[in-house]
Amino acid sequence: ALPISGPDTLLLEAGFLGIFLCPLWTLSALPKHTPTSHIIIWAFRWLLFRLMFGAGLNKLAGDPCWRDFTCMEYNYETQMLPNPISYHLHQLPMVFHVLQAT
């Protein structure tokens, strides 16, 4: 069996829910204002909540710098896709970084 990680299952679930965003019960052309099922909307909200809550728990349970709110100081130096503004944000006072991490 292949190991499936957290992001993989998240993508699978989002893709599966995405199938139901567009109702395809009929073969005729869809009306302009076809509403999406409320169940699917709430399923996406639940998925987003789990993603955000899980990310927060991983930060608190992982590196100690998240518990003392200093990780954002290093984030701008080590992020995977640096932004042209990153250098300037890195130069801001430590209070700014602490507020970002809270």
N, C-alpha and C. Protein backbone atom coordinates (compact mmCIF):
# COMPACT_ATOMS: atom_id res chain seq x y z
N ALA A 1 0.85 -1.19 0.00
CA ALA A 1 0.00 0.00 0.00
C ALA A 1 0.89 1.24 0.00
N LEU A 2 0.46 2.23 -0.73
CA LEU A 2 1.21 3.49 -0.78
C LEU A 2 0.84 4.36 0.41
N PRO A 3 1.82 4.98 1.05
CA PRO A 3 1.49 5.89 2.15
C PRO A 3 0.85 7.17 1.60
N ILE A 4 -0.21 7.61 2.23
CA ILE A 4 -0.89 8.83 1.82
C ILE A 4 -0.71 9.85 2.94
N SER A 5 -0.13 11.00 2.59
CA SER A 5 0.12 12.02 3.60
C SER A 5 -1.08 12.95 3.73
N GLY A 6 -1.02 13.86 4.71
CA GLY A 6 -2.10 14.81 4.95
C GLY A 6 -2.45 15.67 3.76
N PRO A 7 -1.47 16.31 3.10
CA PRO A 7 -1.82 17.14 1.94
C PRO A 7 -2.44 16.34 0.80
N ASP A 8 -2.03 15.08 0.66
CA ASP A 8 -2.60 14.25 -0.41
C ASP A 8 -4.08 13.99 -0.17
N THR A 9 -4.44 13.65 1.06
CA THR A 9 -5.84 13.39 1.36
C THR A 9 -6.66 14.67 1.26
N LEU A 10 -6.05 15.80 1.62
CA LEU A 10 -6.74 17.09 1.49
C LEU A 10 -7.05 17.39 0.03
N LEU A 11 -6.09 17.15 -0.85
CA LEU A 11 -6.32 17.37 -2.28
C LEU A 11 -7.37 16.41 -2.84
N LEU A 12 -7.32 15.16 -2.40
CA LEU A 12 -8.32 14.20 -2.84
C LEU A 12 -9.72 14.61 -2.40
N GLU A 13 -9.83 15.04 -1.16
CA GLU A 13 -11.14 15.45 -0.65
C GLU A 13 -11.65 16.70 -1.36
N ALA A 14 -10.78 17.68 -1.57
CA ALA A 14 -11.19 18.89 -2.27
C ALA A 14 -11.59 18.58 -3.71
N GLY A 15 -10.86 17.70 -4.37
CA GLY A 15 -11.21 17.31 -5.73
C GLY A 15 -12.53 16.57 -5.79
N PHE A 16 -12.76 15.69 -4.82
CA PHE A 16 -14.02 14.96 -4.78
C PHE A 16 -15.19 15.90 -4.56
N LEU A 17 -15.03 16.85 -3.63
CA LEU A 17 -16.11 17.81 -3.39
C LEU A 17 -16.32 18.72 -4.60
N GLY A 18 -15.24 19.01 -5.32
CA GLY A 18 -15.34 19.87 -6.49
C GLY A 18 -16.19 19.26 -7.59
N ILE A 19 -16.28 17.94 -7.62
CA ILE A 19 -17.13 17.27 -8.60
C ILE A 19 -18.58 17.70 -8.45
N PHE A 20 -18.99 17.94 -7.22
CA PHE A 20 -20.39 18.25 -6.94
C PHE A 20 -20.72 19.74 -6.98
N LEU A 21 -19.73 20.58 -7.28
CA LEU A 21 -20.01 22.02 -7.36
C LEU A 21 -20.94 22.35 -8.52
N CYS A 22 -20.79 21.65 -9.61
CA CYS A 22 -21.61 21.89 -10.79
C CYS A 22 -22.62 20.75 -10.93
N PRO A 23 -23.89 21.04 -10.83
CA PRO A 23 -24.87 19.96 -10.95
C PRO A 23 -24.96 19.44 -12.38
N LEU A 24 -24.75 18.17 -12.54
CA LEU A 24 -24.79 17.57 -13.88
C LEU A 24 -25.87 16.50 -13.96
N TRP A 25 -27.00 16.77 -13.32
CA TRP A 25 -28.05 15.76 -13.29
C TRP A 25 -28.77 15.67 -14.64
N THR A 26 -28.72 16.73 -15.43
CA THR A 26 -29.41 16.72 -16.71
C THR A 26 -28.39 16.88 -17.83
N LEU A 27 -28.77 16.45 -19.02
CA LEU A 27 -27.89 16.61 -20.17
C LEU A 27 -28.16 17.91 -20.92
N SER A 28 -29.21 18.62 -20.52
CA SER A 28 -29.52 19.89 -21.18
C SER A 28 -28.58 20.97 -20.66
N ALA A 29 -28.60 22.11 -21.34
CA ALA A 29 -27.75 23.24 -20.93
C ALA A 29 -28.17 23.70 -19.53
N LEU A 30 -27.18 24.05 -18.72
CA LEU A 30 -27.47 24.50 -17.36
C LEU A 30 -28.02 25.92 -17.37
N PRO A 31 -28.97 26.20 -16.52
CA PRO A 31 -29.43 27.58 -16.40
C PRO A 31 -28.31 28.47 -15.86
N LYS A 32 -28.43 29.77 -16.12
CA LYS A 32 -27.37 30.69 -15.70
C LYS A 32 -27.17 30.71 -14.19
N HIS A 33 -28.23 30.66 -13.46
CA HIS A 33 -28.15 30.80 -12.00
C HIS A 33 -28.49 29.48 -11.31
N THR A 34 -27.71 28.47 -11.57
CA THR A 34 -27.90 27.18 -10.93
C THR A 34 -27.23 27.20 -9.57
N PRO A 35 -27.99 27.08 -8.50
CA PRO A 35 -27.38 27.15 -7.16
C PRO A 35 -26.59 25.89 -6.82
N THR A 36 -25.55 26.08 -6.07
CA THR A 36 -24.76 24.95 -5.57
C THR A 36 -25.42 24.43 -4.30
N SER A 37 -25.34 23.15 -4.10
CA SER A 37 -25.95 22.53 -2.92
C SER A 37 -25.35 23.11 -1.64
N HIS A 38 -26.21 23.36 -0.66
CA HIS A 38 -25.74 23.88 0.63
C HIS A 38 -24.89 22.85 1.36
N ILE A 39 -25.15 21.59 1.11
CA ILE A 39 -24.34 20.53 1.74
C ILE A 39 -22.90 20.61 1.25
N ILE A 40 -22.71 20.84 -0.04
CA ILE A 40 -21.35 20.94 -0.59
C ILE A 40 -20.65 22.19 -0.06
N ILE A 41 -21.38 23.30 0.02
CA ILE A 41 -20.79 24.54 0.56
C ILE A 41 -20.33 24.30 1.99
N TRP A 42 -21.16 23.66 2.81
CA TRP A 42 -20.76 23.39 4.19
C TRP A 42 -19.65 22.37 4.28
N ALA A 43 -19.59 21.43 3.35
CA ALA A 43 -18.48 20.46 3.33
C ALA A 43 -17.16 21.17 3.03
N PHE A 44 -17.18 22.15 2.11
CA PHE A 44 -15.97 22.93 1.83
C PHE A 44 -15.59 23.79 3.05
N ARG A 45 -16.57 24.35 3.73
CA ARG A 45 -16.27 25.13 4.94
C ARG A 45 -15.65 24.25 6.02
N TRP A 46 -16.17 23.04 6.17
CA TRP A 46 -15.63 22.09 7.14
C TRP A 46 -14.20 21.70 6.76
N LEU A 47 -13.96 21.51 5.48
CA LEU A 47 -12.62 21.19 4.99
C LEU A 47 -11.65 22.34 5.29
N LEU A 48 -12.08 23.57 5.04
CA LEU A 48 -11.23 24.73 5.32
C LEU A 48 -10.96 24.87 6.81
N PHE A 49 -11.98 24.64 7.64
CA PHE A 49 -11.79 24.71 9.09
C PHE A 49 -10.76 23.68 9.54
N ARG A 50 -10.88 22.44 9.06
CA ARG A 50 -9.92 21.40 9.44
C ARG A 50 -8.51 21.74 8.99
N LEU A 51 -8.39 22.33 7.80
CA LEU A 51 -7.08 22.74 7.31
C LEU A 51 -6.45 23.80 8.22
N MET A 52 -7.21 24.84 8.54
CA MET A 52 -6.67 25.92 9.36
C MET A 52 -6.41 25.46 10.80
N PHE A 53 -7.31 24.69 11.37
CA PHE A 53 -7.14 24.20 12.73
C PHE A 53 -5.95 23.26 12.83
N GLY A 54 -5.82 22.37 11.83
CA GLY A 54 -4.69 21.44 11.81
C GLY A 54 -3.36 22.16 11.65
N ALA A 55 -3.34 23.20 10.82
CA ALA A 55 -2.10 23.96 10.65
C ALA A 55 -1.71 24.63 11.96
N GLY A 56 -2.70 25.17 12.68
CA GLY A 56 -2.41 25.78 13.97
C GLY A 56 -1.89 24.78 14.99
N LEU A 57 -2.49 23.61 15.02
CA LEU A 57 -2.03 22.57 15.95
C LEU A 57 -0.62 22.10 15.61
N ASN A 58 -0.33 21.96 14.33
CA ASN A 58 1.03 21.56 13.92
C ASN A 58 2.05 22.59 14.34
N LYS A 59 1.70 23.86 14.25
CA LYS A 59 2.65 24.90 14.66
C LYS A 59 2.89 24.86 16.15
N LEU A 60 1.82 24.68 16.94
CA LEU A 60 1.99 24.65 18.39
C LEU A 60 2.70 23.40 18.87
N ALA A 61 2.50 22.28 18.18
CA ALA A 61 3.13 21.03 18.61
C ALA A 61 4.52 20.84 18.02
N GLY A 62 4.87 21.65 17.03
CA GLY A 62 6.15 21.47 16.34
C GLY A 62 7.27 22.29 16.95
N ASP A 63 7.87 23.11 16.15
CA ASP A 63 9.04 23.91 16.52
C ASP A 63 8.73 24.85 17.69
N PRO A 64 9.61 24.94 18.69
CA PRO A 64 9.37 25.83 19.83
C PRO A 64 9.28 27.31 19.45
N CYS A 65 9.82 27.69 18.31
CA CYS A 65 9.75 29.11 17.94
C CYS A 65 8.31 29.56 17.72
N TRP A 66 7.39 28.63 17.41
CA TRP A 66 5.98 29.02 17.26
C TRP A 66 5.36 29.30 18.62
N ARG A 67 5.85 28.63 19.66
CA ARG A 67 5.30 28.87 20.99
C ARG A 67 5.79 30.18 21.58
N ASP A 68 7.01 30.60 21.22
CA ASP A 68 7.49 31.90 21.73
C ASP A 68 7.35 33.01 20.69
N PHE A 69 6.62 32.73 19.61
CA PHE A 69 6.23 33.72 18.58
C PHE A 69 7.40 34.38 17.87
N THR A 70 8.48 33.62 17.61
CA THR A 70 9.63 34.20 16.90
C THR A 70 9.84 33.59 15.52
N CYS A 71 9.00 32.68 15.09
CA CYS A 71 9.20 32.02 13.79
C CYS A 71 9.05 32.96 12.62
N MET A 72 8.22 33.96 12.71
CA MET A 72 8.02 34.87 11.58
C MET A 72 9.28 35.67 11.29
N GLU A 73 10.15 35.81 12.27
CA GLU A 73 11.42 36.51 12.05
C GLU A 73 12.26 35.79 10.99
N TYR A 74 12.17 34.46 10.96
CA TYR A 74 12.95 33.66 10.01
C TYR A 74 12.17 33.30 8.75
N ASN A 75 10.86 33.48 8.79
CA ASN A 75 10.03 33.06 7.67
C ASN A 75 10.41 33.78 6.38
N TYR A 76 10.65 35.05 6.46
CA TYR A 76 10.95 35.82 5.24
C TYR A 76 12.29 35.43 4.63
N GLU A 77 13.20 34.91 5.44
CA GLU A 77 14.50 34.47 4.92
C GLU A 77 14.42 33.09 4.26
N THR A 78 13.55 32.24 4.77
CA THR A 78 13.57 30.84 4.37
C THR A 78 12.34 30.38 3.59
N GLN A 79 11.45 31.30 3.24
CA GLN A 79 10.23 30.86 2.54
C GLN A 79 10.56 30.30 1.16
N MET A 80 9.71 29.39 0.70
CA MET A 80 10.00 28.68 -0.54
C MET A 80 9.90 29.58 -1.77
N LEU A 81 8.93 30.47 -1.81
CA LEU A 81 8.76 31.39 -2.94
C LEU A 81 8.91 32.82 -2.42
N PRO A 82 10.14 33.33 -2.39
CA PRO A 82 10.34 34.67 -1.82
C PRO A 82 9.64 35.74 -2.66
N ASN A 83 9.21 36.74 -1.98
CA ASN A 83 8.50 37.86 -2.56
C ASN A 83 9.43 39.07 -2.57
N PRO A 84 9.33 39.98 -3.53
CA PRO A 84 10.19 41.17 -3.51
C PRO A 84 10.02 42.02 -2.24
N ILE A 85 8.87 41.91 -1.61
CA ILE A 85 8.62 42.70 -0.39
C ILE A 85 9.19 42.00 0.85
N SER A 86 9.58 40.74 0.74
CA SER A 86 10.03 39.96 1.89
C SER A 86 11.20 40.61 2.62
N TYR A 87 12.14 41.15 1.89
CA TYR A 87 13.30 41.78 2.54
C TYR A 87 12.84 42.92 3.44
N HIS A 88 11.93 43.73 2.95
CA HIS A 88 11.47 44.89 3.72
C HIS A 88 10.63 44.45 4.92
N LEU A 89 9.82 43.41 4.76
CA LEU A 89 9.05 42.91 5.89
C LEU A 89 9.96 42.27 6.94
N HIS A 90 11.04 41.66 6.51
CA HIS A 90 11.99 41.06 7.45
C HIS A 90 12.66 42.13 8.31
N GLN A 91 12.81 43.32 7.79
CA GLN A 91 13.48 44.40 8.51
C GLN A 91 12.59 45.09 9.55
N LEU A 92 11.31 44.76 9.60
CA LEU A 92 10.40 45.38 10.56
C LEU A 92 10.75 44.95 11.98
N PRO A 93 10.32 45.73 12.98
CA PRO A 93 10.64 45.40 14.38
C PRO A 93 10.05 44.05 14.81
N MET A 94 10.64 43.48 15.84
CA MET A 94 10.23 42.17 16.34
C MET A 94 8.77 42.16 16.79
N VAL A 95 8.27 43.28 17.28
CA VAL A 95 6.86 43.36 17.71
C VAL A 95 5.93 43.00 16.55
N PHE A 96 6.28 43.45 15.36
CA PHE A 96 5.48 43.14 14.17
C PHE A 96 5.45 41.63 13.91
N HIS A 97 6.60 40.98 14.04
CA HIS A 97 6.67 39.53 13.81
C HIS A 97 5.90 38.75 14.87
N VAL A 98 5.95 39.22 16.11
CA VAL A 98 5.21 38.55 17.19
C VAL A 98 3.71 38.66 16.92
N LEU A 99 3.25 39.83 16.48
CA LEU A 99 1.83 39.99 16.18
C LEU A 99 1.41 39.12 15.00
N GLN A 100 2.29 38.91 14.04
CA GLN A 100 1.95 38.04 12.92
C GLN A 100 1.81 36.60 13.34
N ALA A 101 2.60 36.15 14.29
CA ALA A 101 2.60 34.75 14.70
C ALA A 101 1.46 34.43 15.67
N THR A 102 0.81 35.45 16.21
CA THR A 102 -0.28 35.18 17.16
C THR A 102 -1.58 34.92 16.47
